[in-house]
Amino acid sequence: MYTRYTNGFYVNAKRKLNDTRQAVKYIGRYLARAAIVEYRIEEYDGEKVTFWYVDHNDGKKVKITMNVLEFIGKITQHIVPKGFKTVRRYGLYSRRRNEISKEIVHLYNFMKEKSIEKLLRD
């Protein structure tokens, strides 16, 4: 990544993920969807927008009503600048490569376990 993008790249990694499977699931879900889908917007009266999301911490549905300009401001934060490179469904993320991706994750976990076992034996 560093050699290909000499000006750098951006990684949003605020959420704490406990294992590789959880990380892959989260990243895949984030990359495949827009910031909010239409069916989550329940009401719009010209001044206020009511929408819902599922809280990742407890799995409960959270409903929010906010001013339309505040809502637009939050949505536009997810619009990337012109020319910004985003990962979609290329390389290991493509549907054709799904089995290879699973094998890589499995191999990584296997090697991590073996390394820990070796450290414990030594």
N, C-alpha and C. Protein backbone atom coordinates (compact mmCIF):
# COMPACT_ATOMS: atom_id res chain seq x y z
N MET A 1 0.82 -1.19 0.00
CA MET A 1 0.00 0.00 0.00
C MET A 1 0.87 1.27 0.00
N TYR A 2 1.93 1.26 0.78
CA TYR A 2 2.77 2.45 0.86
C TYR A 2 3.47 2.75 -0.46
N THR A 3 3.92 1.70 -1.18
CA THR A 3 4.60 1.95 -2.45
C THR A 3 3.63 2.39 -3.52
N ARG A 4 2.41 1.87 -3.49
CA ARG A 4 1.43 2.24 -4.51
C ARG A 4 0.84 3.62 -4.26
N TYR A 5 0.60 3.97 -2.99
CA TYR A 5 0.00 5.25 -2.63
C TYR A 5 1.02 6.06 -1.83
N THR A 6 1.94 6.68 -2.53
CA THR A 6 3.04 7.39 -1.87
C THR A 6 2.56 8.59 -1.05
N ASN A 7 1.39 9.13 -1.37
CA ASN A 7 0.85 10.26 -0.61
C ASN A 7 0.08 9.79 0.62
N GLY A 8 0.02 8.49 0.82
CA GLY A 8 -0.66 7.94 1.98
C GLY A 8 -2.06 7.48 1.67
N PHE A 9 -2.70 6.93 2.66
CA PHE A 9 -4.08 6.47 2.54
C PHE A 9 -4.73 6.58 3.91
N TYR A 10 -6.03 6.50 3.94
CA TYR A 10 -6.78 6.72 5.17
C TYR A 10 -7.40 5.41 5.64
N VAL A 11 -7.26 5.14 6.94
CA VAL A 11 -7.89 3.97 7.54
C VAL A 11 -8.71 4.44 8.73
N ASN A 12 -10.00 4.11 8.72
CA ASN A 12 -10.86 4.45 9.85
C ASN A 12 -10.97 3.20 10.71
N ALA A 13 -10.29 3.18 11.84
CA ALA A 13 -10.24 1.98 12.69
C ALA A 13 -10.58 2.33 14.13
N LYS A 14 -11.69 3.03 14.33
CA LYS A 14 -12.06 3.46 15.69
C LYS A 14 -12.64 2.33 16.52
N ARG A 15 -13.38 1.44 15.89
CA ARG A 15 -14.08 0.38 16.62
C ARG A 15 -13.12 -0.72 17.04
N LYS A 16 -13.21 -1.16 18.30
CA LYS A 16 -12.36 -2.24 18.79
C LYS A 16 -12.94 -3.58 18.33
N LEU A 17 -12.14 -4.36 17.64
CA LEU A 17 -12.57 -5.66 17.15
C LEU A 17 -11.75 -6.73 17.86
N ASN A 18 -12.44 -7.75 18.36
CA ASN A 18 -11.80 -8.75 19.20
C ASN A 18 -11.09 -9.86 18.44
N ASP A 19 -11.53 -10.16 17.22
CA ASP A 19 -10.87 -11.24 16.48
C ASP A 19 -10.94 -10.98 14.98
N THR A 20 -10.23 -11.78 14.22
CA THR A 20 -10.12 -11.59 12.78
C THR A 20 -11.46 -11.76 12.09
N ARG A 21 -12.23 -12.74 12.49
CA ARG A 21 -13.55 -12.98 11.86
C ARG A 21 -14.45 -11.76 12.03
N GLN A 22 -14.46 -11.20 13.23
CA GLN A 22 -15.27 -10.03 13.51
C GLN A 22 -14.80 -8.84 12.66
N ALA A 23 -13.49 -8.68 12.51
CA ALA A 23 -12.92 -7.60 11.71
C ALA A 23 -13.31 -7.74 10.24
N VAL A 24 -13.18 -8.94 9.70
CA VAL A 24 -13.52 -9.17 8.29
C VAL A 24 -15.01 -8.90 8.06
N LYS A 25 -15.86 -9.35 8.96
CA LYS A 25 -17.30 -9.15 8.84
C LYS A 25 -17.64 -7.66 8.87
N TYR A 26 -17.03 -6.93 9.81
CA TYR A 26 -17.29 -5.50 9.94
C TYR A 26 -16.82 -4.73 8.71
N ILE A 27 -15.61 -4.99 8.27
CA ILE A 27 -15.05 -4.27 7.12
C ILE A 27 -15.87 -4.57 5.86
N GLY A 28 -16.21 -5.82 5.66
CA GLY A 28 -17.02 -6.19 4.50
C GLY A 28 -18.37 -5.50 4.50
N ARG A 29 -19.00 -5.42 5.65
CA ARG A 29 -20.30 -4.76 5.76
C ARG A 29 -20.15 -3.26 5.49
N TYR A 30 -19.10 -2.65 6.00
CA TYR A 30 -18.89 -1.22 5.82
C TYR A 30 -18.61 -0.88 4.36
N LEU A 31 -17.79 -1.69 3.71
CA LEU A 31 -17.41 -1.39 2.33
C LEU A 31 -18.54 -1.62 1.34
N ALA A 32 -19.46 -2.50 1.67
CA ALA A 32 -20.49 -2.88 0.71
C ALA A 32 -21.73 -2.00 0.77
N ARG A 33 -21.84 -1.09 1.72
CA ARG A 33 -23.07 -0.33 1.88
C ARG A 33 -22.82 1.17 1.93
N ALA A 34 -23.90 1.89 1.68
CA ALA A 34 -23.87 3.35 1.84
C ALA A 34 -23.94 3.69 3.33
N ALA A 35 -23.78 4.96 3.65
CA ALA A 35 -23.81 5.38 5.06
C ALA A 35 -25.15 5.04 5.72
N ILE A 36 -26.25 5.20 4.98
CA ILE A 36 -27.58 4.85 5.50
C ILE A 36 -28.44 4.44 4.31
N VAL A 37 -29.22 3.41 4.49
CA VAL A 37 -30.11 2.96 3.42
C VAL A 37 -31.48 3.60 3.60
N GLU A 38 -32.20 3.75 2.50
CA GLU A 38 -33.48 4.47 2.52
C GLU A 38 -34.48 3.92 3.52
N TYR A 39 -34.57 2.60 3.65
CA TYR A 39 -35.60 2.04 4.52
C TYR A 39 -35.40 2.39 5.99
N ARG A 40 -34.22 2.87 6.36
CA ARG A 40 -34.00 3.27 7.75
C ARG A 40 -34.52 4.68 8.04
N ILE A 41 -34.80 5.42 7.00
CA ILE A 41 -35.38 6.75 7.18
C ILE A 41 -36.89 6.56 7.31
N GLU A 42 -37.42 6.82 8.49
CA GLU A 42 -38.83 6.56 8.77
C GLU A 42 -39.73 7.76 8.51
N GLU A 43 -39.20 8.97 8.70
CA GLU A 43 -40.05 10.14 8.54
C GLU A 43 -39.23 11.36 8.15
N TYR A 44 -39.83 12.18 7.30
CA TYR A 44 -39.23 13.45 6.90
C TYR A 44 -40.36 14.44 6.69
N ASP A 45 -40.34 15.55 7.43
CA ASP A 45 -41.43 16.53 7.34
C ASP A 45 -40.98 17.87 6.76
N GLY A 46 -39.79 17.89 6.16
CA GLY A 46 -39.26 19.14 5.61
C GLY A 46 -38.31 19.84 6.56
N GLU A 47 -38.43 19.55 7.84
CA GLU A 47 -37.56 20.17 8.84
C GLU A 47 -36.79 19.15 9.68
N LYS A 48 -37.41 18.02 9.93
CA LYS A 48 -36.80 16.97 10.76
C LYS A 48 -36.75 15.66 10.00
N VAL A 49 -35.73 14.85 10.32
CA VAL A 49 -35.58 13.51 9.76
C VAL A 49 -35.53 12.53 10.92
N THR A 50 -36.33 11.46 10.81
CA THR A 50 -36.30 10.40 11.81
C THR A 50 -35.79 9.13 11.14
N PHE A 51 -34.75 8.54 11.72
CA PHE A 51 -34.17 7.32 11.17
C PHE A 51 -33.74 6.42 12.32
N TRP A 52 -33.37 5.20 12.00
CA TRP A 52 -32.93 4.26 13.02
C TRP A 52 -31.65 3.55 12.58
N TYR A 53 -30.96 3.00 13.58
CA TYR A 53 -29.77 2.16 13.35
C TYR A 53 -29.69 1.14 14.48
N VAL A 54 -28.88 0.13 14.28
CA VAL A 54 -28.69 -0.88 15.31
C VAL A 54 -27.37 -0.60 16.02
N ASP A 55 -27.43 -0.44 17.33
CA ASP A 55 -26.25 -0.19 18.14
C ASP A 55 -25.39 -1.46 18.16
N HIS A 56 -24.12 -1.33 17.77
CA HIS A 56 -23.22 -2.49 17.71
C HIS A 56 -22.86 -3.03 19.09
N ASN A 57 -22.99 -2.21 20.13
CA ASN A 57 -22.63 -2.65 21.47
C ASN A 57 -23.66 -3.60 22.08
N ASP A 58 -24.95 -3.25 21.95
CA ASP A 58 -25.96 -4.09 22.58
C ASP A 58 -26.96 -4.69 21.60
N GLY A 59 -26.84 -4.38 20.31
CA GLY A 59 -27.72 -4.96 19.29
C GLY A 59 -29.13 -4.40 19.28
N LYS A 60 -29.37 -3.32 20.01
CA LYS A 60 -30.71 -2.74 20.07
C LYS A 60 -30.90 -1.68 19.00
N LYS A 61 -32.15 -1.57 18.56
CA LYS A 61 -32.53 -0.57 17.56
C LYS A 61 -32.63 0.80 18.23
N VAL A 62 -31.95 1.80 17.66
CA VAL A 62 -31.95 3.16 18.21
C VAL A 62 -32.61 4.08 17.18
N LYS A 63 -33.60 4.83 17.62
CA LYS A 63 -34.31 5.76 16.74
C LYS A 63 -33.87 7.17 17.07
N ILE A 64 -33.58 7.97 16.03
CA ILE A 64 -33.10 9.34 16.22
C ILE A 64 -33.91 10.28 15.34
N THR A 65 -34.24 11.45 15.88
CA THR A 65 -34.85 12.53 15.10
C THR A 65 -33.92 13.72 15.20
N MET A 66 -33.58 14.31 14.04
CA MET A 66 -32.69 15.46 14.04
C MET A 66 -33.08 16.44 12.94
N ASN A 67 -32.58 17.63 13.05
CA ASN A 67 -32.78 18.67 12.06
C ASN A 67 -32.25 18.19 10.71
N VAL A 68 -32.94 18.53 9.63
CA VAL A 68 -32.56 18.04 8.31
C VAL A 68 -31.16 18.50 7.91
N LEU A 69 -30.77 19.72 8.27
CA LEU A 69 -29.43 20.19 7.92
C LEU A 69 -28.34 19.44 8.68
N GLU A 70 -28.61 19.09 9.93
CA GLU A 70 -27.67 18.28 10.70
C GLU A 70 -27.54 16.89 10.08
N PHE A 71 -28.67 16.31 9.67
CA PHE A 71 -28.68 15.00 9.02
C PHE A 71 -27.86 15.03 7.73
N ILE A 72 -28.09 16.05 6.91
CA ILE A 72 -27.33 16.17 5.65
C ILE A 72 -25.84 16.33 5.95
N GLY A 73 -25.51 17.10 6.98
CA GLY A 73 -24.11 17.26 7.37
C GLY A 73 -23.46 15.93 7.74
N LYS A 74 -24.19 15.10 8.49
CA LYS A 74 -23.64 13.80 8.89
C LYS A 74 -23.49 12.85 7.70
N ILE A 75 -24.44 12.87 6.79
CA ILE A 75 -24.38 12.01 5.60
C ILE A 75 -23.23 12.44 4.69
N THR A 76 -23.06 13.75 4.50
CA THR A 76 -22.02 14.22 3.58
C THR A 76 -20.61 13.94 4.10
N GLN A 77 -20.46 13.65 5.38
CA GLN A 77 -19.14 13.27 5.90
C GLN A 77 -18.65 11.97 5.27
N HIS A 78 -19.58 11.16 4.75
CA HIS A 78 -19.23 9.88 4.15
C HIS A 78 -18.94 9.98 2.66
N ILE A 79 -19.06 11.18 2.08
CA ILE A 79 -18.74 11.37 0.67
C ILE A 79 -17.25 11.60 0.57
N VAL A 80 -16.58 10.76 -0.19
CA VAL A 80 -15.13 10.88 -0.30
C VAL A 80 -14.76 11.98 -1.29
N PRO A 81 -13.59 12.62 -1.11
CA PRO A 81 -13.15 13.66 -2.03
C PRO A 81 -12.93 13.11 -3.44
N LYS A 82 -13.01 13.98 -4.44
CA LYS A 82 -12.79 13.59 -5.82
C LYS A 82 -11.40 12.96 -5.96
N GLY A 83 -11.34 11.82 -6.61
CA GLY A 83 -10.08 11.14 -6.82
C GLY A 83 -9.65 10.24 -5.67
N PHE A 84 -10.39 10.25 -4.56
CA PHE A 84 -10.06 9.43 -3.40
C PHE A 84 -10.28 7.97 -3.75
N LYS A 85 -9.31 7.13 -3.46
CA LYS A 85 -9.40 5.70 -3.78
C LYS A 85 -10.11 4.97 -2.65
N THR A 86 -11.16 4.25 -2.99
CA THR A 86 -11.85 3.44 -2.00
C THR A 86 -11.81 1.99 -2.45
N VAL A 87 -11.84 1.10 -1.49
CA VAL A 87 -11.85 -0.32 -1.79
C VAL A 87 -13.31 -0.74 -1.88
N ARG A 88 -13.67 -1.38 -2.94
CA ARG A 88 -15.02 -1.89 -3.08
C ARG A 88 -14.92 -3.40 -3.18
N ARG A 89 -15.17 -3.95 -4.30
CA ARG A 89 -15.17 -5.40 -4.43
C ARG A 89 -14.09 -5.85 -5.40
N TYR A 90 -12.86 -5.47 -5.10
CA TYR A 90 -11.73 -5.83 -5.93
C TYR A 90 -10.79 -6.74 -5.16
N GLY A 91 -9.92 -7.38 -5.87
CA GLY A 91 -8.90 -8.21 -5.23
C GLY A 91 -9.51 -9.26 -4.34
N LEU A 92 -9.03 -9.35 -3.12
CA LEU A 92 -9.53 -10.36 -2.19
C LEU A 92 -10.95 -10.09 -1.73
N TYR A 93 -11.46 -8.88 -1.94
CA TYR A 93 -12.82 -8.55 -1.53
C TYR A 93 -13.86 -8.98 -2.57
N SER A 94 -13.43 -9.30 -3.78
CA SER A 94 -14.40 -9.66 -4.82
C SER A 94 -15.07 -10.98 -4.49
N ARG A 95 -16.26 -11.16 -5.03
CA ARG A 95 -17.01 -12.39 -4.75
C ARG A 95 -16.27 -13.62 -5.27
N ARG A 96 -15.56 -13.48 -6.39
CA ARG A 96 -14.81 -14.61 -6.95
C ARG A 96 -13.68 -15.05 -6.03
N ARG A 97 -13.17 -14.14 -5.23
CA ARG A 97 -12.02 -14.44 -4.36
C ARG A 97 -12.43 -14.77 -2.93
N ASN A 98 -13.72 -14.91 -2.68
CA ASN A 98 -14.20 -15.12 -1.31
C ASN A 98 -13.56 -16.35 -0.66
N GLU A 99 -13.47 -17.46 -1.37
CA GLU A 99 -12.88 -18.68 -0.80
C GLU A 99 -11.40 -18.48 -0.49
N ILE A 100 -10.69 -17.77 -1.36
CA ILE A 100 -9.27 -17.48 -1.11
C ILE A 100 -9.13 -16.63 0.15
N SER A 101 -10.01 -15.64 0.29
CA SER A 101 -9.97 -14.78 1.48
C SER A 101 -10.16 -15.59 2.75
N LYS A 102 -11.12 -16.53 2.72
CA LYS A 102 -11.36 -17.37 3.89
C LYS A 102 -10.13 -18.22 4.21
N GLU A 103 -9.48 -18.74 3.17
CA GLU A 103 -8.27 -19.55 3.38
C GLU A 103 -7.15 -18.72 3.99
N ILE A 104 -7.01 -17.48 3.53
CA ILE A 104 -5.97 -16.59 4.06
C ILE A 104 -6.22 -16.30 5.54
N VAL A 105 -7.47 -15.99 5.88
CA VAL A 105 -7.81 -15.73 7.28
C VAL A 105 -7.54 -16.98 8.12
N HIS A 106 -7.93 -18.14 7.61
CA HIS A 106 -7.70 -19.40 8.32
C HIS A 106 -6.20 -19.65 8.52
N LEU A 107 -5.42 -19.43 7.46
CA LEU A 107 -3.97 -19.61 7.53
C LEU A 107 -3.34 -18.65 8.53
N TYR A 108 -3.80 -17.40 8.51
CA TYR A 108 -3.29 -16.41 9.47
C TYR A 108 -3.56 -16.86 10.90
N ASN A 109 -4.79 -17.28 11.18
CA ASN A 109 -5.14 -17.75 12.53
C ASN A 109 -4.32 -18.97 12.92
N PHE A 110 -4.12 -19.89 11.97
CA PHE A 110 -3.33 -21.10 12.22
C PHE A 110 -1.89 -20.73 12.58
N MET A 111 -1.29 -19.83 11.79
CA MET A 111 0.10 -19.42 12.05
C MET A 111 0.21 -18.67 13.38
N LYS A 112 -0.78 -17.88 13.70
CA LYS A 112 -0.76 -17.15 14.97
C LYS A 112 -0.79 -18.13 16.14
N GLU A 113 -1.65 -19.14 16.05
CA GLU A 113 -1.73 -20.15 17.10
C GLU A 113 -0.41 -20.92 17.23
N LYS A 114 0.19 -21.30 16.10
CA LYS A 114 1.46 -22.04 16.12
C LYS A 114 2.57 -21.19 16.74
N SER A 115 2.58 -19.89 16.42
CA SER A 115 3.60 -19.00 16.98
C SER A 115 3.46 -18.90 18.49
N ILE A 116 2.23 -18.81 18.96
CA ILE A 116 1.98 -18.73 20.41
C ILE A 116 2.40 -20.03 21.08
N GLU A 117 2.05 -21.18 20.45
CA GLU A 117 2.43 -22.47 21.01
C GLU A 117 3.95 -22.59 21.11
N LYS A 118 4.65 -22.14 20.07
CA LYS A 118 6.11 -22.21 20.05
C LYS A 118 6.70 -21.34 21.16
N LEU A 119 6.15 -20.14 21.34
CA LEU A 119 6.64 -19.27 22.40
C LEU A 119 6.43 -19.89 23.78
N LEU A 120 5.30 -20.54 23.95
CA LEU A 120 5.00 -21.18 25.24
C LEU A 120 5.92 -22.36 25.52
N ARG A 121 6.33 -23.07 24.46
CA ARG A 121 7.22 -24.22 24.64
C ARG A 121 8.65 -23.80 24.94
N ASP A 122 9.06 -22.68 24.38
CA ASP A 122 10.47 -22.23 24.54
C ASP A 122 10.73 -21.57 25.84
